[in-house]
Amino acid sequence: MDTVRDIMNKKVITVDRDKTALDAAKIMTQYEIGSLVVVSNGKPVGIVTERDLVRKVCTIDTISNKIPLAEIMSSPVISADPDLPIETAVQRMFNNKIRRLVILDNDKLVGIVTASDLAKYVRTRSLLDKMFR
């Protein structure tokens, strides 16, 4: 049975909880990504997405370099163990209405699984099934 370890992205970009919305936006732009895991003392405490920036920063009349990430991040982090079956991870994401699942191994950040990762996995499995029928 395939697990999230098989499809997770092991290169997770993080941002410190003490940074601002502007800092997060700059990092996302630099790495061309749509989310950052927010950490405090190296431990994941939240996640901030492009959607958070649009809905919680851009839609109000404020200055992004004055908004702490702690005010806009989603918290607590919804996470999973790397050995969790993919089907269970999908259900967890669906139940929590999230598009990104942080992967922790003994409370250490080791990866992230996104809805796009899951779509690629399903597409690949479907193609392989068709090839070997």
N, C-alpha and C. Protein backbone atom coordinates (compact mmCIF):
# COMPACT_ATOMS: atom_id res chain seq x y z
N MET A 1 0.85 -1.18 0.00
CA MET A 1 0.00 0.00 0.00
C MET A 1 0.89 1.24 0.00
N ASP A 2 0.56 2.19 -0.87
CA ASP A 2 1.34 3.42 -0.96
C ASP A 2 1.05 4.34 0.22
N THR A 3 2.09 5.03 0.66
CA THR A 3 1.96 5.94 1.80
C THR A 3 2.32 7.36 1.36
N VAL A 4 2.04 8.32 2.22
CA VAL A 4 2.36 9.70 1.88
C VAL A 4 3.86 9.90 1.68
N ARG A 5 4.67 9.07 2.28
CA ARG A 5 6.12 9.15 2.09
C ARG A 5 6.47 9.00 0.60
N ASP A 6 5.67 8.21 -0.12
CA ASP A 6 5.93 7.94 -1.53
C ASP A 6 5.65 9.15 -2.43
N ILE A 7 4.83 10.07 -1.98
CA ILE A 7 4.45 11.19 -2.84
C ILE A 7 4.76 12.56 -2.25
N MET A 8 5.19 12.61 -0.99
CA MET A 8 5.39 13.91 -0.35
C MET A 8 6.57 14.65 -0.95
N ASN A 9 6.48 15.96 -0.89
CA ASN A 9 7.58 16.83 -1.27
C ASN A 9 8.45 17.00 -0.04
N LYS A 10 9.70 16.57 -0.14
CA LYS A 10 10.59 16.60 1.03
C LYS A 10 11.24 17.97 1.23
N LYS A 11 11.18 18.80 0.22
CA LYS A 11 11.77 20.14 0.34
C LYS A 11 10.65 21.11 0.73
N VAL A 12 10.56 21.37 2.02
CA VAL A 12 9.50 22.24 2.54
C VAL A 12 10.12 23.58 2.91
N ILE A 13 9.55 24.63 2.35
CA ILE A 13 10.02 25.98 2.66
C ILE A 13 9.23 26.48 3.87
N THR A 14 9.95 27.00 4.84
CA THR A 14 9.32 27.46 6.08
C THR A 14 9.56 28.95 6.28
N VAL A 15 8.79 29.51 7.19
CA VAL A 15 8.95 30.91 7.57
C VAL A 15 8.72 30.99 9.07
N ASP A 16 9.49 31.83 9.73
CA ASP A 16 9.35 31.97 11.17
C ASP A 16 8.06 32.71 11.52
N ARG A 17 7.45 32.29 12.59
CA ARG A 17 6.17 32.86 13.06
C ARG A 17 6.26 34.36 13.31
N ASP A 18 7.44 34.86 13.61
CA ASP A 18 7.62 36.28 13.91
C ASP A 18 7.69 37.17 12.68
N LYS A 19 7.70 36.58 11.49
CA LYS A 19 7.77 37.36 10.25
C LYS A 19 6.41 37.96 9.92
N THR A 20 6.38 38.78 8.87
CA THR A 20 5.15 39.46 8.48
C THR A 20 4.55 38.85 7.22
N ALA A 21 3.35 39.30 6.91
CA ALA A 21 2.68 38.86 5.68
C ALA A 21 3.53 39.22 4.46
N LEU A 22 4.13 40.38 4.47
CA LEU A 22 5.00 40.79 3.36
C LEU A 22 6.19 39.85 3.22
N ASP A 23 6.81 39.48 4.33
CA ASP A 23 7.93 38.54 4.30
C ASP A 23 7.49 37.22 3.64
N ALA A 24 6.33 36.73 4.05
CA ALA A 24 5.82 35.46 3.51
C ALA A 24 5.57 35.59 2.01
N ALA A 25 4.98 36.68 1.58
CA ALA A 25 4.69 36.89 0.16
C ALA A 25 5.99 36.91 -0.65
N LYS A 26 7.02 37.55 -0.12
CA LYS A 26 8.30 37.61 -0.82
C LYS A 26 8.93 36.22 -0.96
N ILE A 27 8.85 35.42 0.11
CA ILE A 27 9.42 34.06 0.07
C ILE A 27 8.65 33.20 -0.94
N MET A 28 7.32 33.29 -0.91
CA MET A 28 6.52 32.52 -1.87
C MET A 28 6.86 32.91 -3.30
N THR A 29 7.05 34.20 -3.53
CA THR A 29 7.41 34.67 -4.87
C THR A 29 8.79 34.16 -5.26
N GLN A 30 9.73 34.24 -4.35
CA GLN A 30 11.10 33.80 -4.62
C GLN A 30 11.15 32.33 -5.02
N TYR A 31 10.41 31.49 -4.31
CA TYR A 31 10.45 30.05 -4.55
C TYR A 31 9.34 29.56 -5.48
N GLU A 32 8.48 30.49 -5.94
CA GLU A 32 7.37 30.16 -6.83
C GLU A 32 6.50 29.05 -6.24
N ILE A 33 6.08 29.27 -4.99
CA ILE A 33 5.23 28.30 -4.29
C ILE A 33 4.00 29.01 -3.75
N GLY A 34 3.00 28.22 -3.37
CA GLY A 34 1.74 28.78 -2.91
C GLY A 34 1.49 28.71 -1.43
N SER A 35 2.46 28.17 -0.68
CA SER A 35 2.27 28.08 0.77
C SER A 35 3.61 27.96 1.48
N LEU A 36 3.57 28.29 2.76
CA LEU A 36 4.74 28.16 3.63
C LEU A 36 4.29 27.54 4.94
N VAL A 37 5.10 26.64 5.46
CA VAL A 37 4.85 26.14 6.81
C VAL A 37 5.44 27.16 7.77
N VAL A 38 4.63 27.60 8.72
CA VAL A 38 5.06 28.59 9.71
C VAL A 38 5.62 27.84 10.91
N VAL A 39 6.84 28.21 11.32
CA VAL A 39 7.50 27.52 12.43
C VAL A 39 7.83 28.47 13.57
N SER A 40 7.91 27.89 14.75
CA SER A 40 8.38 28.60 15.94
C SER A 40 9.36 27.66 16.63
N ASN A 41 10.59 28.10 16.80
CA ASN A 41 11.65 27.25 17.36
C ASN A 41 11.78 25.95 16.58
N GLY A 42 11.62 26.03 15.26
CA GLY A 42 11.78 24.87 14.39
C GLY A 42 10.59 23.94 14.32
N LYS A 43 9.56 24.18 15.10
CA LYS A 43 8.37 23.32 15.13
C LYS A 43 7.24 23.97 14.33
N PRO A 44 6.56 23.20 13.48
CA PRO A 44 5.43 23.75 12.72
C PRO A 44 4.30 24.19 13.65
N VAL A 45 3.84 25.43 13.45
CA VAL A 45 2.74 25.96 14.27
C VAL A 45 1.58 26.44 13.40
N GLY A 46 1.78 26.45 12.10
CA GLY A 46 0.72 26.91 11.21
C GLY A 46 1.15 26.80 9.77
N ILE A 47 0.27 27.22 8.90
CA ILE A 47 0.56 27.27 7.47
C ILE A 47 -0.06 28.54 6.93
N VAL A 48 0.64 29.19 6.02
CA VAL A 48 0.11 30.39 5.38
C VAL A 48 0.13 30.15 3.88
N THR A 49 -0.96 30.51 3.22
CA THR A 49 -1.11 30.26 1.79
C THR A 49 -1.34 31.57 1.05
N GLU A 50 -1.22 31.49 -0.28
CA GLU A 50 -1.54 32.65 -1.10
C GLU A 50 -2.98 33.10 -0.83
N ARG A 51 -3.84 32.14 -0.64
CA ARG A 51 -5.24 32.44 -0.37
C ARG A 51 -5.39 33.24 0.93
N ASP A 52 -4.61 32.85 1.96
CA ASP A 52 -4.62 33.62 3.22
C ASP A 52 -4.21 35.06 2.97
N LEU A 53 -3.17 35.24 2.17
CA LEU A 53 -2.69 36.60 1.89
C LEU A 53 -3.75 37.42 1.17
N VAL A 54 -4.40 36.81 0.20
CA VAL A 54 -5.44 37.54 -0.54
C VAL A 54 -6.63 37.87 0.34
N ARG A 55 -7.13 36.88 1.05
CA ARG A 55 -8.35 37.07 1.84
C ARG A 55 -8.14 37.88 3.12
N LYS A 56 -6.98 37.72 3.74
CA LYS A 56 -6.78 38.33 5.05
C LYS A 56 -5.89 39.57 5.04
N VAL A 57 -5.27 39.86 3.90
CA VAL A 57 -4.39 41.02 3.83
C VAL A 57 -4.85 41.97 2.72
N CYS A 58 -4.96 41.45 1.51
CA CYS A 58 -5.27 42.30 0.36
C CYS A 58 -6.68 42.87 0.38
N THR A 59 -7.59 42.20 1.04
CA THR A 59 -8.98 42.66 1.04
C THR A 59 -9.28 43.70 2.11
N ILE A 60 -8.29 43.99 2.93
CA ILE A 60 -8.49 45.03 3.94
C ILE A 60 -7.49 46.15 3.68
N ASP A 61 -7.81 47.31 4.13
CA ASP A 61 -6.95 48.47 3.92
C ASP A 61 -5.86 48.49 4.99
N THR A 62 -4.77 47.81 4.70
CA THR A 62 -3.69 47.71 5.68
C THR A 62 -2.35 47.59 4.97
N ILE A 63 -1.31 47.62 5.72
CA ILE A 63 0.04 47.51 5.18
C ILE A 63 0.59 46.13 5.52
N SER A 64 0.96 45.38 4.48
CA SER A 64 1.34 43.97 4.68
C SER A 64 2.58 43.78 5.53
N ASN A 65 3.45 44.77 5.58
CA ASN A 65 4.66 44.58 6.40
C ASN A 65 4.39 44.83 7.88
N LYS A 66 3.15 45.13 8.22
CA LYS A 66 2.79 45.34 9.63
C LYS A 66 1.89 44.22 10.17
N ILE A 67 1.53 43.27 9.31
CA ILE A 67 0.65 42.19 9.74
C ILE A 67 1.48 40.96 10.10
N PRO A 68 1.49 40.56 11.37
CA PRO A 68 2.24 39.36 11.77
C PRO A 68 1.60 38.10 11.18
N LEU A 69 2.43 37.16 10.80
CA LEU A 69 1.92 35.90 10.26
C LEU A 69 0.98 35.21 11.24
N ALA A 70 1.26 35.36 12.52
CA ALA A 70 0.41 34.71 13.53
C ALA A 70 -1.05 35.13 13.40
N GLU A 71 -1.30 36.30 12.82
CA GLU A 71 -2.67 36.78 12.66
C GLU A 71 -3.39 36.19 11.46
N ILE A 72 -2.63 35.70 10.47
CA ILE A 72 -3.29 35.22 9.25
C ILE A 72 -3.07 33.74 8.95
N MET A 73 -2.14 33.11 9.66
CA MET A 73 -1.86 31.70 9.37
C MET A 73 -3.01 30.81 9.84
N SER A 74 -3.12 29.65 9.21
CA SER A 74 -4.06 28.64 9.66
C SER A 74 -3.36 27.81 10.73
N SER A 75 -4.01 27.66 11.86
CA SER A 75 -3.42 26.94 12.97
C SER A 75 -4.54 26.31 13.79
N PRO A 76 -4.33 25.14 14.36
CA PRO A 76 -3.10 24.36 14.40
C PRO A 76 -2.84 23.67 13.06
N VAL A 77 -1.64 23.18 12.90
CA VAL A 77 -1.24 22.47 11.69
C VAL A 77 -1.96 21.12 11.65
N ILE A 78 -2.56 20.82 10.51
CA ILE A 78 -3.12 19.49 10.29
C ILE A 78 -1.98 18.67 9.69
N SER A 79 -1.63 17.58 10.35
CA SER A 79 -0.44 16.84 9.93
C SER A 79 -0.72 15.35 9.84
N ALA A 80 0.29 14.65 9.32
CA ALA A 80 0.21 13.20 9.19
C ALA A 80 1.60 12.61 9.32
N ASP A 81 1.64 11.35 9.66
CA ASP A 81 2.87 10.57 9.71
C ASP A 81 3.24 10.16 8.28
N PRO A 82 4.52 10.06 7.95
CA PRO A 82 4.91 9.68 6.59
C PRO A 82 4.44 8.29 6.17
N ASP A 83 4.13 7.43 7.12
CA ASP A 83 3.69 6.07 6.78
C ASP A 83 2.17 5.94 6.69
N LEU A 84 1.47 7.06 6.77
CA LEU A 84 0.02 7.04 6.64
C LEU A 84 -0.36 6.64 5.21
N PRO A 85 -1.30 5.72 5.04
CA PRO A 85 -1.74 5.37 3.69
C PRO A 85 -2.30 6.60 2.96
N ILE A 86 -2.05 6.67 1.67
CA ILE A 86 -2.49 7.81 0.88
C ILE A 86 -3.99 8.01 0.98
N GLU A 87 -4.75 6.92 0.94
CA GLU A 87 -6.21 7.02 1.02
C GLU A 87 -6.65 7.70 2.33
N THR A 88 -5.96 7.39 3.41
CA THR A 88 -6.28 8.00 4.70
C THR A 88 -5.91 9.49 4.70
N ALA A 89 -4.80 9.81 4.05
CA ALA A 89 -4.38 11.21 3.93
C ALA A 89 -5.42 12.02 3.15
N VAL A 90 -5.92 11.43 2.07
CA VAL A 90 -6.95 12.11 1.27
C VAL A 90 -8.17 12.38 2.13
N GLN A 91 -8.58 11.38 2.90
CA GLN A 91 -9.75 11.54 3.76
C GLN A 91 -9.51 12.63 4.81
N ARG A 92 -8.32 12.67 5.38
CA ARG A 92 -7.99 13.69 6.38
C ARG A 92 -8.06 15.09 5.77
N MET A 93 -7.52 15.22 4.57
CA MET A 93 -7.56 16.52 3.90
C MET A 93 -9.00 16.91 3.58
N PHE A 94 -9.78 15.97 3.10
CA PHE A 94 -11.19 16.23 2.79
C PHE A 94 -11.96 16.63 4.05
N ASN A 95 -11.79 15.87 5.11
CA ASN A 95 -12.52 16.13 6.36
C ASN A 95 -12.18 17.50 6.95
N ASN A 96 -10.92 17.92 6.78
CA ASN A 96 -10.48 19.20 7.34
C ASN A 96 -10.55 20.36 6.33
N LYS A 97 -11.01 20.04 5.12
CA LYS A 97 -11.15 21.05 4.05
C LYS A 97 -9.84 21.80 3.82
N ILE A 98 -8.76 21.02 3.67
CA ILE A 98 -7.45 21.61 3.42
C ILE A 98 -6.88 21.07 2.11
N ARG A 99 -5.95 21.80 1.54
CA ARG A 99 -5.31 21.41 0.29
C ARG A 99 -3.86 20.99 0.49
N ARG A 100 -3.37 21.16 1.71
CA ARG A 100 -1.98 20.82 2.02
C ARG A 100 -1.93 20.11 3.36
N LEU A 101 -1.18 19.03 3.40
CA LEU A 101 -1.04 18.23 4.61
C LEU A 101 0.43 18.20 4.99
N VAL A 102 0.75 18.73 6.16
CA VAL A 102 2.13 18.76 6.66
C VAL A 102 2.49 17.37 7.17
N ILE A 103 3.67 16.89 6.80
CA ILE A 103 4.11 15.55 7.19
C ILE A 103 5.18 15.68 8.27
N LEU A 104 4.88 15.06 9.43
CA LEU A 104 5.79 15.09 10.58
C LEU A 104 6.21 13.68 10.95
N ASP A 105 7.49 13.51 11.21
CA ASP A 105 8.01 12.24 11.70
C ASP A 105 8.60 12.51 13.08
N ASN A 106 7.95 12.00 14.12
CA ASN A 106 8.35 12.30 15.50
C ASN A 106 8.44 13.80 15.74
N ASP A 107 7.41 14.52 15.33
CA ASP A 107 7.30 15.97 15.48
C ASP A 107 8.31 16.77 14.66
N LYS A 108 9.06 16.11 13.77
CA LYS A 108 10.00 16.81 12.91
C LYS A 108 9.38 16.95 11.52
N LEU A 109 9.44 18.16 10.98
CA LEU A 109 8.91 18.43 9.65
C LEU A 109 9.75 17.69 8.61
N VAL A 110 9.11 16.79 7.86
CA VAL A 110 9.84 16.01 6.85
C VAL A 110 9.26 16.15 5.45
N GLY A 111 8.08 16.77 5.32
CA GLY A 111 7.50 16.91 3.99
C GLY A 111 6.15 17.58 4.01
N ILE A 112 5.60 17.69 2.82
CA ILE A 112 4.25 18.24 2.65
C ILE A 112 3.62 17.53 1.46
N VAL A 113 2.33 17.27 1.55
CA VAL A 113 1.57 16.68 0.46
C VAL A 113 0.49 17.68 0.09
N THR A 114 0.40 17.98 -1.20
CA THR A 114 -0.60 18.93 -1.67
C THR A 114 -1.66 18.21 -2.49
N ALA A 115 -2.75 18.91 -2.73
CA ALA A 115 -3.81 18.35 -3.58
C ALA A 115 -3.25 18.04 -4.96
N SER A 116 -2.31 18.84 -5.45
CA SER A 116 -1.67 18.59 -6.75
C SER A 116 -0.87 17.29 -6.72
N ASP A 117 -0.16 17.04 -5.62
CA ASP A 117 0.58 15.78 -5.49
C ASP A 117 -0.36 14.59 -5.58
N LEU A 118 -1.50 14.71 -4.92
CA LEU A 118 -2.48 13.62 -4.94
C LEU A 118 -3.06 13.43 -6.33
N ALA A 119 -3.32 14.52 -7.04
CA ALA A 119 -3.85 14.42 -8.40
C ALA A 119 -2.85 13.72 -9.32
N LYS A 120 -1.57 14.06 -9.20
CA LYS A 120 -0.53 13.41 -10.00
C LYS A 120 -0.47 11.92 -9.69
N TYR A 121 -0.56 11.59 -8.42
CA TYR A 121 -0.53 10.19 -8.00
C TYR A 121 -1.69 9.41 -8.62
N VAL A 122 -2.88 9.97 -8.52
CA VAL A 122 -4.07 9.29 -9.06
C VAL A 122 -3.95 9.14 -10.57
N ARG A 123 -3.50 10.19 -11.25
CA ARG A 123 -3.35 10.14 -12.70
C ARG A 123 -2.32 9.08 -13.10
N THR A 124 -1.20 9.04 -12.41
CA THR A 124 -0.16 8.05 -12.72
C THR A 124 -0.66 6.64 -12.48
N ARG A 125 -1.33 6.42 -11.36
CA ARG A 125 -1.89 5.08 -11.07
C ARG A 125 -2.89 4.67 -12.14
N SER A 126 -3.70 5.60 -12.57
CA SER A 126 -4.71 5.30 -13.59
C SER A 126 -4.05 4.91 -14.91
N LEU A 127 -3.02 5.66 -15.30
CA LEU A 127 -2.30 5.34 -16.54
C LEU A 127 -1.61 3.99 -16.45
N LEU A 128 -0.99 3.71 -15.31
CA LEU A 128 -0.33 2.42 -15.14
C LEU A 128 -1.33 1.27 -15.18
N ASP A 129 -2.48 1.47 -14.55
CA ASP A 129 -3.52 0.44 -14.58
C ASP A 129 -3.96 0.15 -16.01
N LYS A 130 -4.11 1.19 -16.83
CA LYS A 130 -4.52 1.02 -18.22
C LYS A 130 -3.45 0.31 -19.03
N MET A 131 -2.19 0.64 -18.76
CA MET A 131 -1.08 0.03 -19.51
C MET A 131 -0.96 -1.46 -19.25
N PHE A 132 -1.24 -1.88 -18.04
CA PHE A 132 -1.01 -3.27 -17.67
C PHE A 132 -2.27 -4.10 -17.59
N ARG A 133 -3.32 -3.66 -18.22
CA ARG A 133 -4.55 -4.45 -18.28
C ARG A 133 -4.51 -5.42 -19.41
